[in-house]
Amino acid sequence: MHLDQLAVRPERMRQGIGGRLVAAVIDHARACGAPGVTLTTFRDVPWNGPWYARHGFSVLPESAWGGPSCGRWSRMSGTWASNSRPAS
């Protein structure tokens, strides 16, 4: 399953809303039998990578992307065991 976009209004940030949204996507993917969740984010936004890493995602090597790459992007993937959740 691919998470196309995640946004939280600036005045609502740092309240756990984004984390709950990601958890809902992961729960839905698991319920649908998906092996994981992928997303694409900007490499040059310093907080994106660490934030997604805290929610169980890691950077996929460009060789695993399956299409043309762009140096501004970073593709990330979250996977899990059937009875666990990524760390929050």
PDB file of N, CA and C in Angstrom:
ATOM      1  N   MET A   1       0.858  -1.165   0.000  1.00  0.00           N
ATOM      2  CA  MET A   1       0.000   0.000   0.000  1.00  0.00           C
ATOM      3  C   MET A   1       0.903   1.225   0.000  1.00  0.00           C
ATOM      4  N   HIS A   2       0.489   2.262  -0.702  1.00  0.00           N
ATOM      5  CA  HIS A   2       1.279   3.485  -0.800  1.00  0.00           C
ATOM      6  C   HIS A   2       0.535   4.643  -0.144  1.00  0.00           C
ATOM      7  N   LEU A   3       1.215   5.335   0.751  1.00  0.00           N
ATOM      8  CA  LEU A   3       0.684   6.543   1.376  1.00  0.00           C
ATOM      9  C   LEU A   3       1.070   7.704   0.474  1.00  0.00           C
ATOM     10  N   ASP A   4       0.095   8.266  -0.206  1.00  0.00           N
ATOM     11  CA  ASP A   4       0.372   9.291  -1.208  1.00  0.00           C
ATOM     12  C   ASP A   4       0.704  10.631  -0.575  1.00  0.00           C
ATOM     13  N   GLN A   5      -0.017  11.024   0.460  1.00  0.00           N
ATOM     14  CA  GLN A   5       0.218  12.334   1.043  1.00  0.00           C
ATOM     15  C   GLN A   5      -0.251  12.346   2.492  1.00  0.00           C
ATOM     16  N   LEU A   6       0.487  13.060   3.324  1.00  0.00           N
ATOM     17  CA  LEU A   6       0.122  13.239   4.724  1.00  0.00           C
ATOM     18  C   LEU A   6       0.377  14.703   5.057  1.00  0.00           C
ATOM     19  N   ALA A   7      -0.613  15.370   5.563  1.00  0.00           N
ATOM     20  CA  ALA A   7      -0.449  16.777   5.934  1.00  0.00           C
ATOM     21  C   ALA A   7      -1.267  17.065   7.188  1.00  0.00           C
ATOM     22  N   VAL A   8      -0.687  17.868   8.050  1.00  0.00           N
ATOM     23  CA  VAL A   8      -1.359  18.337   9.260  1.00  0.00           C
ATOM     24  C   VAL A   8      -1.236  19.859   9.254  1.00  0.00           C
ATOM     25  N   ARG A   9      -2.306  20.538   9.527  1.00  0.00           N
ATOM     26  CA  ARG A   9      -2.265  22.005   9.570  1.00  0.00           C
ATOM     27  C   ARG A   9      -1.202  22.464  10.573  1.00  0.00           C
ATOM     28  N   PRO A  10      -0.467  23.514  10.221  1.00  0.00           N
ATOM     29  CA  PRO A  10       0.602  23.984  11.119  1.00  0.00           C
ATOM     30  C   PRO A  10       0.140  24.236  12.556  1.00  0.00           C
ATOM     31  N   GLU A  11      -1.041  24.782  12.737  1.00  0.00           N
ATOM     32  CA  GLU A  11      -1.512  25.064  14.098  1.00  0.00           C
ATOM     33  C   GLU A  11      -1.897  23.796  14.857  1.00  0.00           C
ATOM     34  N   ARG A  12      -1.966  22.664  14.170  1.00  0.00           N
ATOM     35  CA  ARG A  12      -2.302  21.382  14.806  1.00  0.00           C
ATOM     36  C   ARG A  12      -1.095  20.457  14.940  1.00  0.00           C
ATOM     37  N   MET A  13       0.057  20.896  14.479  1.00  0.00           N
ATOM     38  CA  MET A  13       1.262  20.057  14.550  1.00  0.00           C
ATOM     39  C   MET A  13       1.706  19.863  15.997  1.00  0.00           C
ATOM     40  N   ARG A  14       2.496  18.822  16.198  1.00  0.00           N
ATOM     41  CA  ARG A  14       3.100  18.472  17.489  1.00  0.00           C
ATOM     42  C   ARG A  14       2.051  18.084  18.539  1.00  0.00           C
ATOM     43  N   GLN A  15       0.949  17.508  18.043  1.00  0.00           N
ATOM     44  CA  GLN A  15      -0.107  17.010  18.928  1.00  0.00           C
ATOM     45  C   GLN A  15      -0.353  15.517  18.718  1.00  0.00           C
ATOM     46  N   GLY A  16       0.489  14.875  17.906  1.00  0.00           N
ATOM     47  CA  GLY A  16       0.343  13.445  17.666  1.00  0.00           C
ATOM     48  C   GLY A  16      -0.633  13.083  16.555  1.00  0.00           C
ATOM     49  N   ILE A  17      -1.162  14.077  15.871  1.00  0.00           N
ATOM     50  CA  ILE A  17      -2.152  13.807  14.821  1.00  0.00           C
ATOM     51  C   ILE A  17      -1.514  13.055  13.660  1.00  0.00           C
ATOM     52  N   GLY A  18      -0.348  13.499  13.205  1.00  0.00           N
ATOM     53  CA  GLY A  18       0.330  12.821  12.094  1.00  0.00           C
ATOM     54  C   GLY A  18       0.643  11.373  12.426  1.00  0.00           C
ATOM     55  N   GLY A  19       1.108  11.133  13.647  1.00  0.00           N
ATOM     56  CA  GLY A  19       1.410   9.765  14.071  1.00  0.00           C
ATOM     57  C   GLY A  19       0.173   8.882  14.090  1.00  0.00           C
ATOM     58  N   ARG A  20      -0.945   9.453  14.523  1.00  0.00           N
ATOM     59  CA  ARG A  20      -2.198   8.685  14.524  1.00  0.00           C
ATOM     60  C   ARG A  20      -2.667   8.411  13.102  1.00  0.00           C
ATOM     61  N   LEU A  21      -2.476   9.372  12.198  1.00  0.00           N
ATOM     62  CA  LEU A  21      -2.846   9.146  10.796  1.00  0.00           C
ATOM     63  C   LEU A  21      -1.999   8.036  10.184  1.00  0.00           C
ATOM     64  N   VAL A  22      -0.691   8.065  10.428  1.00  0.00           N
ATOM     65  CA  VAL A  22       0.190   7.006   9.908  1.00  0.00           C
ATOM     66  C   VAL A  22      -0.204   5.667  10.504  1.00  0.00           C
ATOM     67  N   ALA A  23      -0.490   5.624  11.797  1.00  0.00           N
ATOM     68  CA  ALA A  23      -0.908   4.369  12.434  1.00  0.00           C
ATOM     69  C   ALA A  23      -2.198   3.843  11.797  1.00  0.00           C
ATOM     70  N   ALA A  24      -3.119   4.742  11.453  1.00  0.00           N
ATOM     71  CA  ALA A  24      -4.373   4.315  10.813  1.00  0.00           C
ATOM     72  C   ALA A  24      -4.103   3.721   9.430  1.00  0.00           C
ATOM     73  N   VAL A  25      -3.171   4.325   8.681  1.00  0.00           N
ATOM     74  CA  VAL A  25      -2.817   3.775   7.364  1.00  0.00           C
ATOM     75  C   VAL A  25      -2.191   2.396   7.529  1.00  0.00           C
ATOM     76  N   ILE A  26      -1.288   2.253   8.492  1.00  0.00           N
ATOM     77  CA  ILE A  26      -0.632   0.965   8.736  1.00  0.00           C
ATOM     78  C   ILE A  26      -1.668  -0.080   9.149  1.00  0.00           C
ATOM     79  N   ASP A  27      -2.581   0.296  10.029  1.00  0.00           N
ATOM     80  CA  ASP A  27      -3.633  -0.639  10.448  1.00  0.00           C
ATOM     81  C   ASP A  27      -4.497  -1.059   9.263  1.00  0.00           C
ATOM     82  N   HIS A  28      -4.853  -0.103   8.410  1.00  0.00           N
ATOM     83  CA  HIS A  28      -5.670  -0.419   7.233  1.00  0.00           C
ATOM     84  C   HIS A  28      -4.909  -1.335   6.279  1.00  0.00           C
ATOM     85  N   ALA A  29      -3.632  -1.040   6.057  1.00  0.00           N
ATOM     86  CA  ALA A  29      -2.824  -1.885   5.170  1.00  0.00           C
ATOM     87  C   ALA A  29      -2.745  -3.309   5.705  1.00  0.00           C
ATOM     88  N   ARG A  30      -2.534  -3.425   6.996  1.00  0.00           N
ATOM     89  CA  ARG A  30      -2.458  -4.750   7.619  1.00  0.00           C
ATOM     90  C   ARG A  30      -3.785  -5.487   7.468  1.00  0.00           C
ATOM     91  N   ALA A  31      -4.902  -4.787   7.696  1.00  0.00           N
ATOM     92  CA  ALA A  31      -6.226  -5.406   7.579  1.00  0.00           C
ATOM     93  C   ALA A  31      -6.508  -5.864   6.144  1.00  0.00           C
ATOM     94  N   CYS A  32      -5.920  -5.176   5.172  1.00  0.00           N
ATOM     95  CA  CYS A  32      -6.094  -5.536   3.758  1.00  0.00           C
ATOM     96  C   CYS A  32      -5.113  -6.610   3.315  1.00  0.00           C
ATOM     97  N   GLY A  33      -4.202  -7.014   4.189  1.00  0.00           N
ATOM     98  CA  GLY A  33      -3.221  -8.036   3.842  1.00  0.00           C
ATOM     99  C   GLY A  33      -2.001  -7.514   3.108  1.00  0.00           C
ATOM    100  N   ALA A  34      -1.805  -6.199   3.084  1.00  0.00           N
ATOM    101  CA  ALA A  34      -0.625  -5.622   2.422  1.00  0.00           C
ATOM    102  C   ALA A  34       0.633  -5.968   3.216  1.00  0.00           C
ATOM    103  N   PRO A  35       1.745  -6.193   2.530  1.00  0.00           N
ATOM    104  CA  PRO A  35       2.985  -6.532   3.224  1.00  0.00           C
ATOM    105  C   PRO A  35       3.676  -5.345   3.871  1.00  0.00           C
ATOM    106  N   GLY A  36       3.231  -4.132   3.575  1.00  0.00           N
ATOM    107  CA  GLY A  36       3.852  -2.941   4.145  1.00  0.00           C
ATOM    108  C   GLY A  36       3.252  -1.699   3.530  1.00  0.00           C
ATOM    109  N   VAL A  37       3.833  -0.576   3.869  1.00  0.00           N
ATOM    110  CA  VAL A  37       3.385   0.719   3.370  1.00  0.00           C
ATOM    111  C   VAL A  37       4.605   1.435   2.806  1.00  0.00           C
ATOM    112  N   THR A  38       4.451   2.039   1.631  1.00  0.00           N
ATOM    113  CA  THR A  38       5.513   2.875   1.075  1.00  0.00           C
ATOM    114  C   THR A  38       5.021   4.313   1.016  1.00  0.00           C
ATOM    115  N   LEU A  39       5.968   5.223   0.940  1.00  0.00           N
ATOM    116  CA  LEU A  39       5.661   6.632   0.744  1.00  0.00           C
ATOM    117  C   LEU A  39       6.859   7.281   0.087  1.00  0.00           C
ATOM    118  N   THR A  40       6.646   8.440  -0.481  1.00  0.00           N
ATOM    119  CA  THR A  40       7.723   9.219  -1.076  1.00  0.00           C
ATOM    120  C   THR A  40       7.727  10.572  -0.391  1.00  0.00           C
ATOM    121  N   THR A  41       8.910  11.040  -0.016  1.00  0.00           N
ATOM    122  CA  THR A  41       9.011  12.318   0.670  1.00  0.00           C
ATOM    123  C   THR A  41      10.229  13.075   0.166  1.00  0.00           C
ATOM    124  N   PHE A  42      10.316  14.344   0.465  1.00  0.00           N
ATOM    125  CA  PHE A  42      11.450  15.160   0.051  1.00  0.00           C
ATOM    126  C   PHE A  42      12.670  14.862   0.909  1.00  0.00           C
ATOM    127  N   ARG A  43      13.818  14.693   0.265  1.00  0.00           N
ATOM    128  CA  ARG A  43      15.074  14.476   0.987  1.00  0.00           C
ATOM    129  C   ARG A  43      15.559  15.725   1.687  1.00  0.00           C
ATOM    130  N   ASP A  44      15.258  16.901   1.133  1.00  0.00           N
ATOM    131  CA  ASP A  44      15.839  18.132   1.657  1.00  0.00           C
ATOM    132  C   ASP A  44      15.043  18.767   2.793  1.00  0.00           C
ATOM    133  N   VAL A  45      13.997  18.114   3.270  1.00  0.00           N
ATOM    134  CA  VAL A  45      13.276  18.584   4.457  1.00  0.00           C
ATOM    135  C   VAL A  45      13.854  17.818   5.641  1.00  0.00           C
ATOM    136  N   PRO A  46      14.617  18.487   6.512  1.00  0.00           N
ATOM    137  CA  PRO A  46      15.404  17.774   7.515  1.00  0.00           C
ATOM    138  C   PRO A  46      14.618  16.934   8.516  1.00  0.00           C
ATOM    139  N   TRP A  47      13.381  17.244   8.778  1.00  0.00           N
ATOM    140  CA  TRP A  47      12.633  16.488   9.786  1.00  0.00           C
ATOM    141  C   TRP A  47      11.865  15.301   9.199  1.00  0.00           C
ATOM    142  N   ASN A  48      11.686  15.229   7.880  1.00  0.00           N
ATOM    143  CA  ASN A  48      10.890  14.142   7.289  1.00  0.00           C
ATOM    144  C   ASN A  48      11.454  12.761   7.590  1.00  0.00           C
ATOM    145  N   GLY A  49      12.698  12.523   7.228  1.00  0.00           N
ATOM    146  CA  GLY A  49      13.298  11.199   7.422  1.00  0.00           C
ATOM    147  C   GLY A  49      13.241  10.730   8.863  1.00  0.00           C
ATOM    148  N   PRO A  50      13.727  11.538   9.815  1.00  0.00           N
ATOM    149  CA  PRO A  50      13.675  11.115  11.220  1.00  0.00           C
ATOM    150  C   PRO A  50      12.250  10.884  11.727  1.00  0.00           C
ATOM    151  N   TRP A  51      11.296  11.716  11.289  1.00  0.00           N
ATOM    152  CA  TRP A  51       9.916  11.549  11.749  1.00  0.00           C
ATOM    153  C   TRP A  51       9.357  10.220  11.265  1.00  0.00           C
ATOM    154  N   TYR A  52       9.534   9.925   9.969  1.00  0.00           N
ATOM    155  CA  TYR A  52       9.034   8.654   9.447  1.00  0.00           C
ATOM    156  C   TYR A  52       9.793   7.471  10.043  1.00  0.00           C
ATOM    157  N   ALA A  53      11.077   7.620  10.311  1.00  0.00           N
ATOM    158  CA  ALA A  53      11.845   6.537  10.945  1.00  0.00           C
ATOM    159  C   ALA A  53      11.269   6.221  12.326  1.00  0.00           C
ATOM    160  N   ARG A  54      10.866   7.238  13.068  1.00  0.00           N
ATOM    161  CA  ARG A  54      10.253   6.995  14.393  1.00  0.00           C
ATOM    162  C   ARG A  54       8.940   6.224  14.269  1.00  0.00           C
ATOM    163  N   HIS A  55       8.343   6.243  13.092  1.00  0.00           N
ATOM    164  CA  HIS A  55       7.078   5.549  12.870  1.00  0.00           C
ATOM    165  C   HIS A  55       7.260   4.258  12.081  1.00  0.00           C
ATOM    166  N   GLY A  56       8.500   3.748  12.066  1.00  0.00           N
ATOM    167  CA  GLY A  56       8.756   2.419  11.513  1.00  0.00           C
ATOM    168  C   GLY A  56       9.185   2.369  10.064  1.00  0.00           C
ATOM    169  N   PHE A  57       9.451   3.505   9.438  1.00  0.00           N
ATOM    170  CA  PHE A  57       9.837   3.530   8.037  1.00  0.00           C
ATOM    171  C   PHE A  57      11.354   3.614   7.896  1.00  0.00           C
ATOM    172  N   SER A  58      11.842   3.130   6.771  1.00  0.00           N
ATOM    173  CA  SER A  58      13.272   3.239   6.458  1.00  0.00           C
ATOM    174  C   SER A  58      13.409   3.540   4.971  1.00  0.00           C
ATOM    175  N   VAL A  59      14.553   4.104   4.589  1.00  0.00           N
ATOM    176  CA  VAL A  59      14.784   4.485   3.201  1.00  0.00           C
ATOM    177  C   VAL A  59      15.048   3.238   2.369  1.00  0.00           C
ATOM    178  N   LEU A  60      14.362   3.148   1.241  1.00  0.00           N
ATOM    179  CA  LEU A  60      14.611   2.071   0.283  1.00  0.00           C
ATOM    180  C   LEU A  60      15.745   2.506  -0.644  1.00  0.00           C
ATOM    181  N   PRO A  61      16.649   1.596  -1.011  1.00  0.00           N
ATOM    182  CA  PRO A  61      17.674   1.969  -1.985  1.00  0.00           C
ATOM    183  C   PRO A  61      17.017   2.271  -3.330  1.00  0.00           C
ATOM    184  N   GLU A  62      17.601   3.213  -4.065  1.00  0.00           N
ATOM    185  CA  GLU A  62      17.009   3.597  -5.348  1.00  0.00           C
ATOM    186  C   GLU A  62      16.845   2.409  -6.288  1.00  0.00           C
ATOM    187  N   SER A  63      17.698   1.410  -6.163  1.00  0.00           N
ATOM    188  CA  SER A  63      17.590   0.230  -7.030  1.00  0.00           C
ATOM    189  C   SER A  63      16.284  -0.532  -6.803  1.00  0.00           C
ATOM    190  N   ALA A  64      15.625  -0.304  -5.669  1.00  0.00           N
ATOM    191  CA  ALA A  64      14.368  -0.995  -5.360  1.00  0.00           C
ATOM    192  C   ALA A  64      13.145  -0.173  -5.748  1.00  0.00           C
ATOM    193  N   TRP A  65      13.336   1.022  -6.299  1.00  0.00           N
ATOM    194  CA  TRP A  65      12.209   1.891  -6.610  1.00  0.00           C
ATOM    195  C   TRP A  65      11.394   1.420  -7.791  1.00  0.00           C
ATOM    196  N   GLY A  66      12.017   0.778  -8.754  1.00  0.00           N
ATOM    197  CA  GLY A  66      11.292   0.268  -9.906  1.00  0.00           C
ATOM    198  C   GLY A  66      10.916   1.321 -10.931  1.00  0.00           C
ATOM    199  N   GLY A  67      11.550   2.469 -10.910  1.00  0.00           N
ATOM    200  CA  GLY A  67      11.257   3.514 -11.885  1.00  0.00           C
ATOM    201  C   GLY A  67      12.342   4.559 -11.866  1.00  0.00           C
ATOM    202  N   PRO A  68      12.193   5.589 -12.682  1.00  0.00           N
ATOM    203  CA  PRO A  68      13.208   6.645 -12.695  1.00  0.00           C
ATOM    204  C   PRO A  68      13.275   7.348 -11.348  1.00  0.00           C
ATOM    205  N   SER A  69      14.454   7.767 -10.982  1.00  0.00           N
ATOM    206  CA  SER A  69      14.633   8.424  -9.683  1.00  0.00           C
ATOM    207  C   SER A  69      14.883   9.908  -9.875  1.00  0.00           C
ATOM    208  N   CYS A  70      14.675  10.639  -8.837  1.00  0.00           N
ATOM    209  CA  CYS A  70      14.950  12.066  -8.812  1.00  0.00           C
ATOM    210  C   CYS A  70      15.698  12.343  -7.526  1.00  0.00           C
ATOM    211  N   GLY A  71      16.802  13.042  -7.597  1.00  0.00           N
ATOM    212  CA  GLY A  71      17.640  13.273  -6.431  1.00  0.00           C
ATOM    213  C   GLY A  71      16.961  14.004  -5.289  1.00  0.00           C
ATOM    214  N   ARG A  72      15.819  14.660  -5.543  1.00  0.00           N
ATOM    215  CA  ARG A  72      15.121  15.374  -4.472  1.00  0.00           C
ATOM    216  C   ARG A  72      14.250  14.453  -3.634  1.00  0.00           C
ATOM    217  N   TRP A  73      14.009  13.245  -4.092  1.00  0.00           N
ATOM    218  CA  TRP A  73      13.052  12.360  -3.437  1.00  0.00           C
ATOM    219  C   TRP A  73      13.753  11.258  -2.652  1.00  0.00           C
ATOM    220  N   SER A  74      13.076  10.769  -1.663  1.00  0.00           N
ATOM    221  CA  SER A  74      13.522   9.616  -0.901  1.00  0.00           C
ATOM    222  C   SER A  74      12.317   8.703  -0.751  1.00  0.00           C
ATOM    223  N   ARG A  75      12.409   7.484  -1.206  1.00  0.00           N
ATOM    224  CA  ARG A  75      11.293   6.555  -1.055  1.00  0.00           C
ATOM    225  C   ARG A  75      11.536   5.756   0.219  1.00  0.00           C
ATOM    226  N   MET A  76      10.512   5.640   1.033  1.00  0.00           N
ATOM    227  CA  MET A  76      10.625   4.950   2.308  1.00  0.00           C
ATOM    228  C   MET A  76       9.603   3.831   2.363  1.00  0.00           C
ATOM    229  N   SER A  77       9.898   2.831   3.157  1.00  0.00           N
ATOM    230  CA  SER A  77       9.003   1.695   3.283  1.00  0.00           C
ATOM    231  C   SER A  77       8.865   1.317   4.742  1.00  0.00           C
ATOM    232  N   GLY A  78       7.660   0.974   5.151  1.00  0.00           N
ATOM    233  CA  GLY A  78       7.417   0.470   6.499  1.00  0.00           C
ATOM    234  C   GLY A  78       6.912  -0.955   6.399  1.00  0.00           C
ATOM    235  N   THR A  79       7.535  -1.844   7.095  1.00  0.00           N
ATOM    236  CA  THR A  79       7.086  -3.235   7.116  1.00  0.00           C
ATOM    237  C   THR A  79       6.929  -3.674   8.559  1.00  0.00           C
ATOM    238  N   TRP A  80       6.243  -4.764   8.769  1.00  0.00           N
ATOM    239  CA  TRP A  80       5.989  -5.232  10.120  1.00  0.00           C
ATOM    240  C   TRP A  80       5.765  -6.728  10.137  1.00  0.00           C
ATOM    241  N   ALA A  81       5.961  -7.303  11.298  1.00  0.00           N
ATOM    242  CA  ALA A  81       5.570  -8.689  11.514  1.00  0.00           C
ATOM    243  C   ALA A  81       4.065  -8.703  11.765  1.00  0.00           C
ATOM    244  N   SER A  82       3.437  -9.835  11.559  1.00  0.00           N
ATOM    245  CA  SER A  82       1.979  -9.885  11.592  1.00  0.00           C
ATOM    246  C   SER A  82       1.377  -9.463  12.933  1.00  0.00           C
ATOM    247  N   ASN A  83       2.089  -9.625  14.031  1.00  0.00           N
ATOM    248  CA  ASN A  83       1.523  -9.282  15.331  1.00  0.00           C
ATOM    249  C   ASN A  83       2.225  -8.103  15.999  1.00  0.00           C
ATOM    250  N   SER A  84       2.887  -7.262  15.214  1.00  0.00           N
ATOM    251  CA  SER A  84       3.583  -6.124  15.804  1.00  0.00           C
ATOM    252  C   SER A  84       3.253  -4.858  15.057  1.00  0.00           C
ATOM    253  N   ARG A  85       3.600  -3.750  15.646  1.00  0.00           N
ATOM    254  CA  ARG A  85       3.444  -2.427  15.035  1.00  0.00           C
ATOM    255  C   ARG A  85       4.801  -1.775  14.986  1.00  0.00           C
ATOM    256  N   PRO A  86       5.037  -0.908  13.996  1.00  0.00           N
ATOM    257  CA  PRO A  86       6.268  -0.136  14.020  1.00  0.00           C
ATOM    258  C   PRO A  86       6.306   0.721  15.287  1.00  0.00           C
ATOM    259  N   ALA A  87       7.492   0.960  15.775  1.00  0.00           N
ATOM    260  CA  ALA A  87       7.650   1.789  16.976  1.00  0.00           C
ATOM    261  C   ALA A  87       7.186   3.202  16.689  1.00  0.00           C
ATOM    262  N   SER A  88       6.541   3.832  17.668  1.00  0.00           N
ATOM    263  CA  SER A  88       6.084   5.226  17.506  1.00  0.00           C
ATOM    264  C   SER A  88       7.044   6.145  18.190  1.00  0.00           C
TER     265      SER A  88
END
